[in-house]
Amino acid sequence: MDPKALRVRVLAVIGTVIGLIIVISLIVANVGNTKPTPKSAGLKPEVVLKTHKTAKYGTILVNDQGFTLYTYQLDTTNHSNCVSFCLHMWPALAVKSGHSPVGVGVTGLGVAVRAGGVRQVTYHGQPLYTYVIDDAPGLVEGNAGPWAVVHITKH
């Protein structure tokens, strides 16, 4: 088997295992918890993205509610490979048809069309997601395995 293909498969398996562990932990830890989670899975007419400074990760990209945005290492330019169960844990940041994402101090935003016509916001071609475990603005609980916070560098 091609080493690159093997690496992709291994990362996918690791990501799935991590996801299952997180889901089980979430179920056990949040029984009866009714805290709101980011509403990024719902389509918005306008999606505003901005930067947020953190001590640990530097300047990162967040949505208009202040929730951390992530990229998935197994995605390719303007194409998401996060489907099915993955999307339940990592909701795609989507925007309604006819609208575009707006960046406050952020450039490189775009839109990729997912299967089914959902318009997912991208940063320099990388599809963006939130993470359901990040249940408050500013949390960064999903920076692990094939998932990474979006670092913003000023030129």
Foldseek 3Di string as FASTA:
>chain_A
DDPVVVVLVVLVVVVVVVLVVVVVVCCVVCVVPDFAFDPQLDAAQEKEKEWDADPPQGIFIDTPQQFFKKFFQSADFLGDPQDDPSCVFWPFRFYDPPHFYHYDPADQWDWHQYPVGTTGIDRVRTTMTGGRVRRHHPDDPPDDRRMHTGDDDDD
